Every structure is written in structure tokens, then in C-alpha cells.
Amino acid sequence: MATPLRHVQRLVLACVAVFTTSHMAMAQTVTVFAAASLKPALDEITKNYEAVSGHDINLSYAGSSALARQIQHGAPAQVFLSANTTWMDALEANGLLADGTRRDLLRNQLALIARVGSDLALSPEPGAPFSQALGDHRLAVALTRAVPAGIYAREALTHLGLWNDLQHKLAQADNVTAALRLVALGEAPLGIVYATDATANDQVELLGLFPDGSHSPIVYPVALTREGDSPEARAFLEHLSSPQASDTFQTHGFGLAKEGQ
């Protein structure tokens, strides 16, 4: 007959086994915060990675500014992919990144779009009649003082001498995907988004690309957070630079930062 002590020992061992199993399962889940513009490509990459690695990837998409602020306030992100270097710089300055894990991953371009079927013919160049084309409507952009796509849009419009005329005719959205949606749904006749967004949505058409020199280089850095560093997170980080992932990113229109594209 088992003694009470033996029962206690068995109970403790059972609890340890449950805790260990639960901890291992949690350790195999990697939480990724990523800029909204990465969703189509990163969804595909993640699905393939989960199938071969056995790890679960928990993806959270939003504007880079919102994600960075969440990390600053203790959100449990392990991998962060930003659509500009500024917000990654902020996390690095606060000591929130794992040492030696930051790298530039991708490049993109800035695009002017209209809804498919629109008769608008406009090019993003100095003196372009944006105000005339908009009429009483607004130009869809991401937040111009916080979200990378909006910051790039502001820089480009300023460089082309159009900002003063257009700054009060903007429909500012929380992220670039939301700005794209305004145009796709016909709520704004024109929008400024990334080139990858323009080609991924069949409800909008590309009117033209802003000159590269009109805005800061569009670079997507990636890094592990200091608190979220783990073998599983490092494995996923390395996979993002793998030939398979690179091919998928390029299929979706991104350039590779290491190639300067």
C-alpha cells in the first residue's frame, strides 16, 4: 500500500511533468510583430516554416510605430520586423533588442495608386495636379508623423513641392494596409502605399512610383527582442534570410537589402 508520502511524491512528479510539457510547448511558439505591409509574404513564409519546423509562429501585424510602442511597454514580442529603421533605432537605444541580432532584411518602393477602373492619369512628379485630381476628396496615406509609409509619403510630397497644397487633403490611416483599403473601397480616389501593396491588391492600380531620391530609403530591419531571445526565435530569424524565404519575399515584390535592390 502506498504511503501518504509516496502519494505526495507522485503528485509532485506529475505536476513537474505537466509544467515541463507546458513550458516546452510555450517555448516552441514564437511571437512575431511585423509591419502591416509584410502580411501577404510573411503569412506564406510562416505557413511553410511551421510545416517543416514543428514550431508555431504567432504573427501580429500593425503599423511599425504601434508595434514598437507595444514592445516598449512590455508586449511579449520575440521577433520584430519594422518598415523603417527609426523605430528599430528607438528600441535599440532603449536596450530592448538582443545583441547582435539586428539586420537589414528587405527594401521597398513608394507608389501612387488609384482604384481599378478610375480614369485618373497622374504621375508622382513635381507640379503634378494632385489637388485637381482629388477635387473634394482626400488622398489616402498612413499616419504621416508616426507610421513609416506615412513618413515616406510626407517626405516625397515635400520633395516634390506638393506637401503644402495636400497636407489638409489627407485621409490618414493607422497603417499602410488601412490606407490601401480606403482606395480599394472607393473611399479615397488616390493613395500612397508601398509598391508591394499596389501589386498585391487587384482592386487598385499602380499609377507610378515616387523617385527613390524623393524620400528616405525604404528599408525593413529585423531583430530579436532582448526578453524574447530563444533558440526557436533565433531559428525563425535565420529562416527569414534563407533562400526559400528570400524567394517568397521577391515574388511579392520586395527587394533584398543585402543585394541593395
C-alpha atoms as a PDB file:
ATOM      1  CA  MET A   1       0.000   0.000   0.000  1.00  0.00           C
ATOM      2  CA  ALA A   2       1.349   3.413  -0.946  1.00  0.00           C
ATOM      3  CA  THR A   3       2.141   5.698   1.954  1.00  0.00           C
ATOM      4  CA  PRO A   4       0.856   9.307   2.090  1.00  0.00           C
ATOM      5  CA  LEU A   5       4.420  10.435   1.381  1.00  0.00           C
ATOM      6  CA  ARG A   6       4.506   8.279  -1.734  1.00  0.00           C
ATOM      7  CA  HIS A   7       1.231   9.914  -2.894  1.00  0.00           C
ATOM      8  CA  VAL A   8       2.722  13.356  -2.367  1.00  0.00           C
ATOM      9  CA  GLN A   9       5.844  12.420  -4.329  1.00  0.00           C
ATOM     10  CA  ARG A  10       3.758  11.135  -7.224  1.00  0.00           C
ATOM     11  CA  LEU A  11       1.665  14.292  -7.212  1.00  0.00           C
ATOM     12  CA  VAL A  12       4.772  16.473  -7.276  1.00  0.00           C
ATOM     13  CA  LEU A  13       6.278  14.471 -10.143  1.00  0.00           C
ATOM     14  CA  ALA A  14       3.022  14.708 -12.084  1.00  0.00           C
ATOM     15  CA  CYS A  15       2.902  18.470 -11.608  1.00  0.00           C
ATOM     16  CA  VAL A  16       6.523  18.796 -12.729  1.00  0.00           C
ATOM     17  CA  ALA A  17       5.783  16.735 -15.841  1.00  0.00           C
ATOM     18  CA  VAL A  18       2.752  18.878 -16.709  1.00  0.00           C
ATOM     19  CA  PHE A  19       4.712  22.083 -16.136  1.00  0.00           C
ATOM     20  CA  THR A  20       7.656  20.864 -18.218  1.00  0.00           C
ATOM     21  CA  THR A  21       5.420  19.800 -21.096  1.00  0.00           C
ATOM     22  CA  SER A  22       3.542  23.099 -20.977  1.00  0.00           C
ATOM     23  CA  HIS A  23       6.784  25.089 -20.823  1.00  0.00           C
ATOM     24  CA  MET A  24       8.227  23.217 -23.810  1.00  0.00           C
ATOM     25  CA  ALA A  25       5.073  23.861 -25.828  1.00  0.00           C
ATOM     26  CA  MET A  26       5.232  27.552 -24.971  1.00  0.00           C
ATOM     27  CA  ALA A  27       8.924  27.678 -25.862  1.00  0.00           C
ATOM     28  CA  GLN A  28       8.169  26.351 -29.320  1.00  0.00           C
ATOM     29  CA  THR A  29       5.759  29.215 -30.072  1.00  0.00           C
ATOM     30  CA  VAL A  30       7.481  32.295 -31.481  1.00  0.00           C
ATOM     31  CA  THR A  31       5.679  35.638 -31.276  1.00  0.00           C
ATOM     32  CA  VAL A  32       6.424  37.917 -34.223  1.00  0.00           C
ATOM     33  CA  PHE A  33       5.490  41.602 -34.523  1.00  0.00           C
ATOM     34  CA  ALA A  34       5.618  42.721 -38.165  1.00  0.00           C
ATOM     35  CA  ALA A  35       4.808  45.792 -40.230  1.00  0.00           C
ATOM     36  CA  ALA A  36       1.397  45.512 -41.896  1.00  0.00           C
ATOM     37  CA  SER A  37       2.876  45.692 -45.400  1.00  0.00           C
ATOM     38  CA  LEU A  38       4.626  42.352 -44.842  1.00  0.00           C
ATOM     39  CA  LYS A  39       1.454  40.321 -44.282  1.00  0.00           C
ATOM     40  CA  PRO A  40       0.965  38.548 -47.665  1.00  0.00           C
ATOM     41  CA  ALA A  41       4.602  37.480 -47.939  1.00  0.00           C
ATOM     42  CA  LEU A  42       5.157  36.697 -44.266  1.00  0.00           C
ATOM     43  CA  ASP A  43       1.946  34.675 -43.988  1.00  0.00           C
ATOM     44  CA  GLU A  44       3.180  32.440 -46.795  1.00  0.00           C
ATOM     45  CA  ILE A  45       6.690  32.125 -45.372  1.00  0.00           C
ATOM     46  CA  THR A  46       5.358  31.321 -41.915  1.00  0.00           C
ATOM     47  CA  LYS A  47       2.954  28.661 -43.144  1.00  0.00           C
ATOM     48  CA  ASN A  48       5.781  26.837 -44.907  1.00  0.00           C
ATOM     49  CA  TYR A  49       8.126  27.233 -41.935  1.00  0.00           C
ATOM     50  CA  GLU A  50       5.621  25.834 -39.449  1.00  0.00           C
ATOM     51  CA  ALA A  51       5.116  22.767 -41.633  1.00  0.00           C
ATOM     52  CA  VAL A  52       8.806  21.829 -41.615  1.00  0.00           C
ATOM     53  CA  SER A  53       9.947  23.115 -38.195  1.00  0.00           C
ATOM     54  CA  GLY A  54       7.158  21.958 -35.925  1.00  0.00           C
ATOM     55  CA  HIS A  55       7.168  25.384 -34.264  1.00  0.00           C
ATOM     56  CA  ASP A  56       4.106  27.610 -34.042  1.00  0.00           C
ATOM     57  CA  ILE A  57       4.537  31.220 -35.165  1.00  0.00           C
ATOM     58  CA  ASN A  58       2.184  33.795 -33.671  1.00  0.00           C
ATOM     59  CA  LEU A  59       2.024  36.756 -36.074  1.00  0.00           C
ATOM     60  CA  SER A  60       0.802  40.213 -35.111  1.00  0.00           C
ATOM     61  CA  TYR A  61       0.567  42.922 -37.803  1.00  0.00           C
ATOM     62  CA  ALA A  62       0.169  46.682 -37.355  1.00  0.00           C
ATOM     63  CA  GLY A  63       1.964  49.925 -38.077  1.00  0.00           C
ATOM     64  CA  SER A  64       5.620  49.771 -37.049  1.00  0.00           C
ATOM     65  CA  SER A  65       5.141  52.672 -34.638  1.00  0.00           C
ATOM     66  CA  ALA A  66       2.303  50.940 -32.786  1.00  0.00           C
ATOM     67  CA  LEU A  67       4.247  47.684 -32.558  1.00  0.00           C
ATOM     68  CA  ALA A  68       7.406  49.383 -31.307  1.00  0.00           C
ATOM     69  CA  ARG A  69       5.453  51.217 -28.609  1.00  0.00           C
ATOM     70  CA  GLN A  70       3.872  47.942 -27.509  1.00  0.00           C
ATOM     71  CA  ILE A  71       7.331  46.396 -27.174  1.00  0.00           C
ATOM     72  CA  GLN A  72       8.474  49.433 -25.188  1.00  0.00           C
ATOM     73  CA  HIS A  73       5.560  48.810 -22.818  1.00  0.00           C
ATOM     74  CA  GLY A  74       6.415  45.155 -22.318  1.00  0.00           C
ATOM     75  CA  ALA A  75       4.488  43.312 -25.030  1.00  0.00           C
ATOM     76  CA  PRO A  76       5.890  39.754 -25.372  1.00  0.00           C
ATOM     77  CA  ALA A  77       7.255  40.038 -28.908  1.00  0.00           C
ATOM     78  CA  GLN A  78      10.276  37.906 -29.762  1.00  0.00           C
ATOM     79  CA  VAL A  79      10.916  38.955 -33.368  1.00  0.00           C
ATOM     80  CA  PHE A  80      10.271  42.482 -34.673  1.00  0.00           C
ATOM     81  CA  LEU A  81      10.170  43.424 -38.356  1.00  0.00           C
ATOM     82  CA  SER A  82       9.854  47.169 -38.892  1.00  0.00           C
ATOM     83  CA  ALA A  83       9.135  49.098 -42.083  1.00  0.00           C
ATOM     84  CA  ASN A  84      11.783  51.676 -41.234  1.00  0.00           C
ATOM     85  CA  THR A  85      14.968  51.983 -39.240  1.00  0.00           C
ATOM     86  CA  THR A  86      13.722  54.759 -36.946  1.00  0.00           C
ATOM     87  CA  TRP A  87      11.514  52.587 -34.763  1.00  0.00           C
ATOM     88  CA  MET A  88      14.128  49.849 -34.605  1.00  0.00           C
ATOM     89  CA  ASP A  89      16.663  52.516 -33.589  1.00  0.00           C
ATOM     90  CA  ALA A  90      14.338  53.554 -30.758  1.00  0.00           C
ATOM     91  CA  LEU A  91      14.137  50.016 -29.383  1.00  0.00           C
ATOM     92  CA  GLU A  92      17.888  49.583 -29.706  1.00  0.00           C
ATOM     93  CA  ALA A  93      18.521  52.847 -27.874  1.00  0.00           C
ATOM     94  CA  ASN A  94      16.309  51.605 -25.037  1.00  0.00           C
ATOM     95  CA  GLY A  95      18.275  48.356 -24.785  1.00  0.00           C
ATOM     96  CA  LEU A  96      15.302  46.260 -25.875  1.00  0.00           C
ATOM     97  CA  LEU A  97      16.998  44.282 -28.678  1.00  0.00           C
ATOM     98  CA  ALA A  98      19.052  41.123 -28.317  1.00  0.00           C
ATOM     99  CA  ASP A  99      22.698  41.933 -29.009  1.00  0.00           C
ATOM    100  CA  GLY A 100      23.959  41.091 -32.474  1.00  0.00           C
ATOM    101  CA  THR A 101      20.595  40.080 -33.947  1.00  0.00           C
ATOM    102  CA  ARG A 102      19.634  43.234 -35.826  1.00  0.00           C
ATOM    103  CA  ARG A 103      19.998  43.203 -39.601  1.00  0.00           C
ATOM    104  CA  ASP A 104      18.502  44.918 -42.654  1.00  0.00           C
ATOM    105  CA  LEU A 105      16.272  42.402 -44.417  1.00  0.00           C
ATOM    106  CA  LEU A 106      14.234  43.986 -47.227  1.00  0.00           C
ATOM    107  CA  ARG A 107      13.683  47.036 -49.403  1.00  0.00           C
ATOM    108  CA  ASN A 108      10.554  48.517 -50.959  1.00  0.00           C
ATOM    109  CA  GLN A 109       9.364  51.424 -53.112  1.00  0.00           C
ATOM    110  CA  LEU A 110       6.695  54.088 -52.683  1.00  0.00           C
ATOM    111  CA  ALA A 111       3.725  54.024 -55.054  1.00  0.00           C
ATOM    112  CA  LEU A 112       0.792  56.186 -56.088  1.00  0.00           C
ATOM    113  CA  ILE A 113      -2.403  54.180 -56.585  1.00  0.00           C
ATOM    114  CA  ALA A 114      -5.999  54.627 -57.717  1.00  0.00           C
ATOM    115  CA  ARG A 115      -8.986  52.314 -57.683  1.00  0.00           C
ATOM    116  CA  VAL A 116      -9.191  49.947 -60.666  1.00  0.00           C
ATOM    117  CA  GLY A 117     -11.347  51.464 -63.397  1.00  0.00           C
ATOM    118  CA  SER A 118     -10.510  55.010 -62.416  1.00  0.00           C
ATOM    119  CA  ASP A 119      -9.895  57.401 -65.287  1.00  0.00           C
ATOM    120  CA  LEU A 120      -7.227  59.232 -63.302  1.00  0.00           C
ATOM    121  CA  ALA A 121      -3.896  59.626 -65.076  1.00  0.00           C
ATOM    122  CA  LEU A 122      -1.390  61.105 -62.668  1.00  0.00           C
ATOM    123  CA  SER A 123       2.335  60.660 -62.123  1.00  0.00           C
ATOM    124  CA  PRO A 124       4.188  61.394 -58.866  1.00  0.00           C
ATOM    125  CA  GLU A 125       6.368  64.211 -60.150  1.00  0.00           C
ATOM    126  CA  PRO A 126       6.943  67.908 -59.398  1.00  0.00           C
ATOM    127  CA  GLY A 127       3.923  70.025 -60.260  1.00  0.00           C
ATOM    128  CA  ALA A 128       1.584  67.051 -60.668  1.00  0.00           C
ATOM    129  CA  PRO A 129      -2.057  68.262 -60.348  1.00  0.00           C
ATOM    130  CA  PHE A 130      -2.937  66.234 -57.252  1.00  0.00           C
ATOM    131  CA  SER A 131      -5.402  68.806 -55.900  1.00  0.00           C
ATOM    132  CA  GLN A 132      -7.253  68.951 -59.198  1.00  0.00           C
ATOM    133  CA  ALA A 133      -7.418  65.161 -59.408  1.00  0.00           C
ATOM    134  CA  LEU A 134      -8.694  64.875 -55.835  1.00  0.00           C
ATOM    135  CA  GLY A 135     -11.373  67.526 -56.148  1.00  0.00           C
ATOM    136  CA  ASP A 136     -13.364  67.465 -52.902  1.00  0.00           C
ATOM    137  CA  HIS A 137     -11.914  64.091 -51.918  1.00  0.00           C
ATOM    138  CA  ARG A 138      -8.825  63.115 -49.944  1.00  0.00           C
ATOM    139  CA  LEU A 139      -5.501  61.383 -50.526  1.00  0.00           C
ATOM    140  CA  ALA A 140      -5.182  58.151 -48.517  1.00  0.00           C
ATOM    141  CA  VAL A 141      -1.920  57.785 -46.595  1.00  0.00           C
ATOM    142  CA  ALA A 142      -0.700  56.180 -43.397  1.00  0.00           C
ATOM    143  CA  LEU A 143      -0.143  58.475 -40.416  1.00  0.00           C
ATOM    144  CA  THR A 144       2.442  60.954 -41.662  1.00  0.00           C
ATOM    145  CA  ARG A 145       4.136  61.603 -38.316  1.00  0.00           C
ATOM    146  CA  ALA A 146       4.308  58.063 -36.965  1.00  0.00           C
ATOM    147  CA  VAL A 147       3.847  55.226 -39.461  1.00  0.00           C
ATOM    148  CA  PRO A 148       6.779  54.591 -41.838  1.00  0.00           C
ATOM    149  CA  ALA A 149       4.666  54.571 -45.020  1.00  0.00           C
ATOM    150  CA  GLY A 150       3.153  57.896 -43.997  1.00  0.00           C
ATOM    151  CA  ILE A 151       6.534  59.364 -43.111  1.00  0.00           C
ATOM    152  CA  TYR A 152       7.896  58.356 -46.517  1.00  0.00           C
ATOM    153  CA  ALA A 153       4.802  59.855 -48.183  1.00  0.00           C
ATOM    154  CA  ARG A 154       5.294  63.152 -46.372  1.00  0.00           C
ATOM    155  CA  GLU A 155       8.965  63.239 -47.377  1.00  0.00           C
ATOM    156  CA  ALA A 156       8.131  62.514 -51.016  1.00  0.00           C
ATOM    157  CA  LEU A 157       5.362  65.100 -51.250  1.00  0.00           C
ATOM    158  CA  THR A 158       7.613  67.687 -49.614  1.00  0.00           C
ATOM    159  CA  HIS A 159      10.453  66.889 -52.030  1.00  0.00           C
ATOM    160  CA  LEU A 160       8.103  67.272 -55.000  1.00  0.00           C
ATOM    161  CA  GLY A 161       6.782  70.605 -53.709  1.00  0.00           C
ATOM    162  CA  LEU A 162       3.274  69.232 -53.156  1.00  0.00           C
ATOM    163  CA  TRP A 163       3.042  68.996 -49.380  1.00  0.00           C
ATOM    164  CA  ASN A 164       1.724  72.493 -48.680  1.00  0.00           C
ATOM    165  CA  ASP A 165      -1.163  72.004 -51.097  1.00  0.00           C
ATOM    166  CA  LEU A 166      -2.028  68.500 -49.922  1.00  0.00           C
ATOM    167  CA  GLN A 167      -1.395  68.389 -46.167  1.00  0.00           C
ATOM    168  CA  HIS A 168      -5.004  69.390 -45.441  1.00  0.00           C
ATOM    169  CA  LYS A 169      -6.427  66.972 -48.006  1.00  0.00           C
ATOM    170  CA  LEU A 170      -5.187  63.750 -46.451  1.00  0.00           C
ATOM    171  CA  ALA A 171      -7.143  60.765 -45.175  1.00  0.00           C
ATOM    172  CA  GLN A 172      -4.665  59.412 -42.629  1.00  0.00           C
ATOM    173  CA  ALA A 173      -4.966  55.754 -41.643  1.00  0.00           C
ATOM    174  CA  ASP A 174      -3.412  53.785 -38.785  1.00  0.00           C
ATOM    175  CA  ASN A 175      -1.238  51.736 -41.152  1.00  0.00           C
ATOM    176  CA  VAL A 176      -0.498  51.323 -44.838  1.00  0.00           C
ATOM    177  CA  THR A 177      -2.925  48.420 -45.256  1.00  0.00           C
ATOM    178  CA  ALA A 178      -5.748  50.603 -43.969  1.00  0.00           C
ATOM    179  CA  ALA A 179      -4.734  53.363 -46.399  1.00  0.00           C
ATOM    180  CA  LEU A 180      -4.767  50.846 -49.245  1.00  0.00           C
ATOM    181  CA  ARG A 181      -8.237  49.712 -48.184  1.00  0.00           C
ATOM    182  CA  LEU A 182      -9.593  53.270 -48.439  1.00  0.00           C
ATOM    183  CA  VAL A 183      -8.664  53.333 -52.122  1.00  0.00           C
ATOM    184  CA  ALA A 184      -9.758  49.752 -52.810  1.00  0.00           C
ATOM    185  CA  LEU A 185     -13.215  50.512 -51.370  1.00  0.00           C
ATOM    186  CA  GLY A 186     -13.539  53.770 -53.287  1.00  0.00           C
ATOM    187  CA  GLU A 187     -13.474  55.934 -50.163  1.00  0.00           C
ATOM    188  CA  ALA A 188     -10.438  57.832 -51.475  1.00  0.00           C
ATOM    189  CA  PRO A 189      -9.615  58.300 -55.174  1.00  0.00           C
ATOM    190  CA  LEU A 190      -5.838  58.249 -54.663  1.00  0.00           C
ATOM    191  CA  GLY A 191      -3.440  56.752 -52.166  1.00  0.00           C
ATOM    192  CA  ILE A 192       0.249  56.481 -51.383  1.00  0.00           C
ATOM    193  CA  VAL A 193       1.340  52.991 -50.341  1.00  0.00           C
ATOM    194  CA  TYR A 194       4.235  50.626 -50.892  1.00  0.00           C
ATOM    195  CA  ALA A 195       4.776  49.151 -54.335  1.00  0.00           C
ATOM    196  CA  THR A 196       4.249  45.682 -52.875  1.00  0.00           C
ATOM    197  CA  ASP A 197       0.787  46.728 -51.658  1.00  0.00           C
ATOM    198  CA  ALA A 198      -0.118  48.087 -55.072  1.00  0.00           C
ATOM    199  CA  THR A 199       0.718  44.842 -56.843  1.00  0.00           C
ATOM    200  CA  ALA A 200      -0.876  42.570 -54.226  1.00  0.00           C
ATOM    201  CA  ASN A 201      -4.397  44.019 -54.420  1.00  0.00           C
ATOM    202  CA  ASP A 202      -6.453  43.560 -57.586  1.00  0.00           C
ATOM    203  CA  GLN A 203      -8.834  46.384 -56.629  1.00  0.00           C
ATOM    204  CA  VAL A 204      -6.217  49.086 -57.133  1.00  0.00           C
ATOM    205  CA  GLU A 205      -3.922  50.048 -59.974  1.00  0.00           C
ATOM    206  CA  LEU A 206      -0.428  51.475 -59.915  1.00  0.00           C
ATOM    207  CA  LEU A 207      -0.207  54.987 -61.353  1.00  0.00           C
ATOM    208  CA  GLY A 208       3.504  55.419 -60.775  1.00  0.00           C
ATOM    209  CA  LEU A 209       6.449  55.091 -58.406  1.00  0.00           C
ATOM    210  CA  PHE A 210       7.875  58.023 -56.498  1.00  0.00           C
ATOM    211  CA  PRO A 211      11.516  58.738 -57.375  1.00  0.00           C
ATOM    212  CA  ASP A 212      13.879  56.992 -54.958  1.00  0.00           C
ATOM    213  CA  GLY A 213      15.585  60.278 -54.169  1.00  0.00           C
ATOM    214  CA  SER A 214      12.326  61.878 -53.055  1.00  0.00           C
ATOM    215  CA  HIS A 215      12.266  60.022 -49.728  1.00  0.00           C
ATOM    216  CA  SER A 216      14.486  58.091 -47.358  1.00  0.00           C
ATOM    217  CA  PRO A 217      15.428  54.570 -48.465  1.00  0.00           C
ATOM    218  CA  ILE A 218      12.640  52.144 -47.546  1.00  0.00           C
ATOM    219  CA  VAL A 219      14.457  49.520 -45.507  1.00  0.00           C
ATOM    220  CA  TYR A 220      12.926  46.779 -43.344  1.00  0.00           C
ATOM    221  CA  PRO A 221      15.188  45.822 -40.424  1.00  0.00           C
ATOM    222  CA  VAL A 222      14.552  42.740 -38.272  1.00  0.00           C
ATOM    223  CA  ALA A 223      15.807  41.809 -34.805  1.00  0.00           C
ATOM    224  CA  LEU A 224      15.098  39.688 -31.762  1.00  0.00           C
ATOM    225  CA  THR A 225      13.950  41.405 -28.600  1.00  0.00           C
ATOM    226  CA  ARG A 226      16.136  41.083 -25.530  1.00  0.00           C
ATOM    227  CA  GLU A 227      13.407  39.457 -23.433  1.00  0.00           C
ATOM    228  CA  GLY A 228      12.187  37.210 -26.235  1.00  0.00           C
ATOM    229  CA  ASP A 229      15.515  35.723 -27.306  1.00  0.00           C
ATOM    230  CA  SER A 230      15.256  31.928 -27.558  1.00  0.00           C
ATOM    231  CA  PRO A 231      16.581  29.113 -29.775  1.00  0.00           C
ATOM    232  CA  GLU A 232      13.221  28.936 -31.558  1.00  0.00           C
ATOM    233  CA  ALA A 233      13.162  32.688 -32.183  1.00  0.00           C
ATOM    234  CA  ARG A 234      16.739  32.594 -33.491  1.00  0.00           C
ATOM    235  CA  ALA A 235      15.859  29.741 -35.826  1.00  0.00           C
ATOM    236  CA  PHE A 236      12.961  31.724 -37.287  1.00  0.00           C
ATOM    237  CA  LEU A 237      15.134  34.829 -37.602  1.00  0.00           C
ATOM    238  CA  GLU A 238      17.682  32.852 -39.601  1.00  0.00           C
ATOM    239  CA  HIS A 239      14.939  31.383 -41.777  1.00  0.00           C
ATOM    240  CA  LEU A 240      13.835  34.883 -42.809  1.00  0.00           C
ATOM    241  CA  SER A 241      17.179  35.263 -44.618  1.00  0.00           C
ATOM    242  CA  SER A 242      17.118  31.782 -46.140  1.00  0.00           C
ATOM    243  CA  PRO A 243      16.933  31.252 -49.920  1.00  0.00           C
ATOM    244  CA  GLN A 244      13.374  29.932 -49.587  1.00  0.00           C
ATOM    245  CA  ALA A 245      12.132  32.961 -47.653  1.00  0.00           C
ATOM    246  CA  SER A 246      14.077  35.358 -49.895  1.00  0.00           C
ATOM    247  CA  ASP A 247      12.435  33.868 -52.979  1.00  0.00           C
ATOM    248  CA  THR A 248       8.998  34.376 -51.431  1.00  0.00           C
ATOM    249  CA  PHE A 249       9.731  37.973 -50.459  1.00  0.00           C
ATOM    250  CA  GLN A 250      10.936  38.704 -54.003  1.00  0.00           C
ATOM    251  CA  THR A 251       7.868  37.023 -55.505  1.00  0.00           C
ATOM    252  CA  HIS A 252       5.794  39.520 -53.522  1.00  0.00           C
ATOM    253  CA  GLY A 253       7.822  42.425 -54.915  1.00  0.00           C
ATOM    254  CA  PHE A 254      10.319  43.114 -52.136  1.00  0.00           C
ATOM    255  CA  GLY A 255      13.984  43.716 -52.780  1.00  0.00           C
ATOM    256  CA  LEU A 256      16.657  42.121 -50.636  1.00  0.00           C
ATOM    257  CA  ALA A 257      18.605  44.595 -48.533  1.00  0.00           C
ATOM    258  CA  LYS A 258      21.798  42.554 -48.795  1.00  0.00           C
ATOM    259  CA  GLU A 259      21.697  42.962 -52.573  1.00  0.00           C
ATOM    260  CA  GLY A 260      20.938  46.676 -52.401  1.00  0.00           C
ATOM    261  CA  GLN A 261      17.839  46.210 -54.547  1.00  0.00           C
END
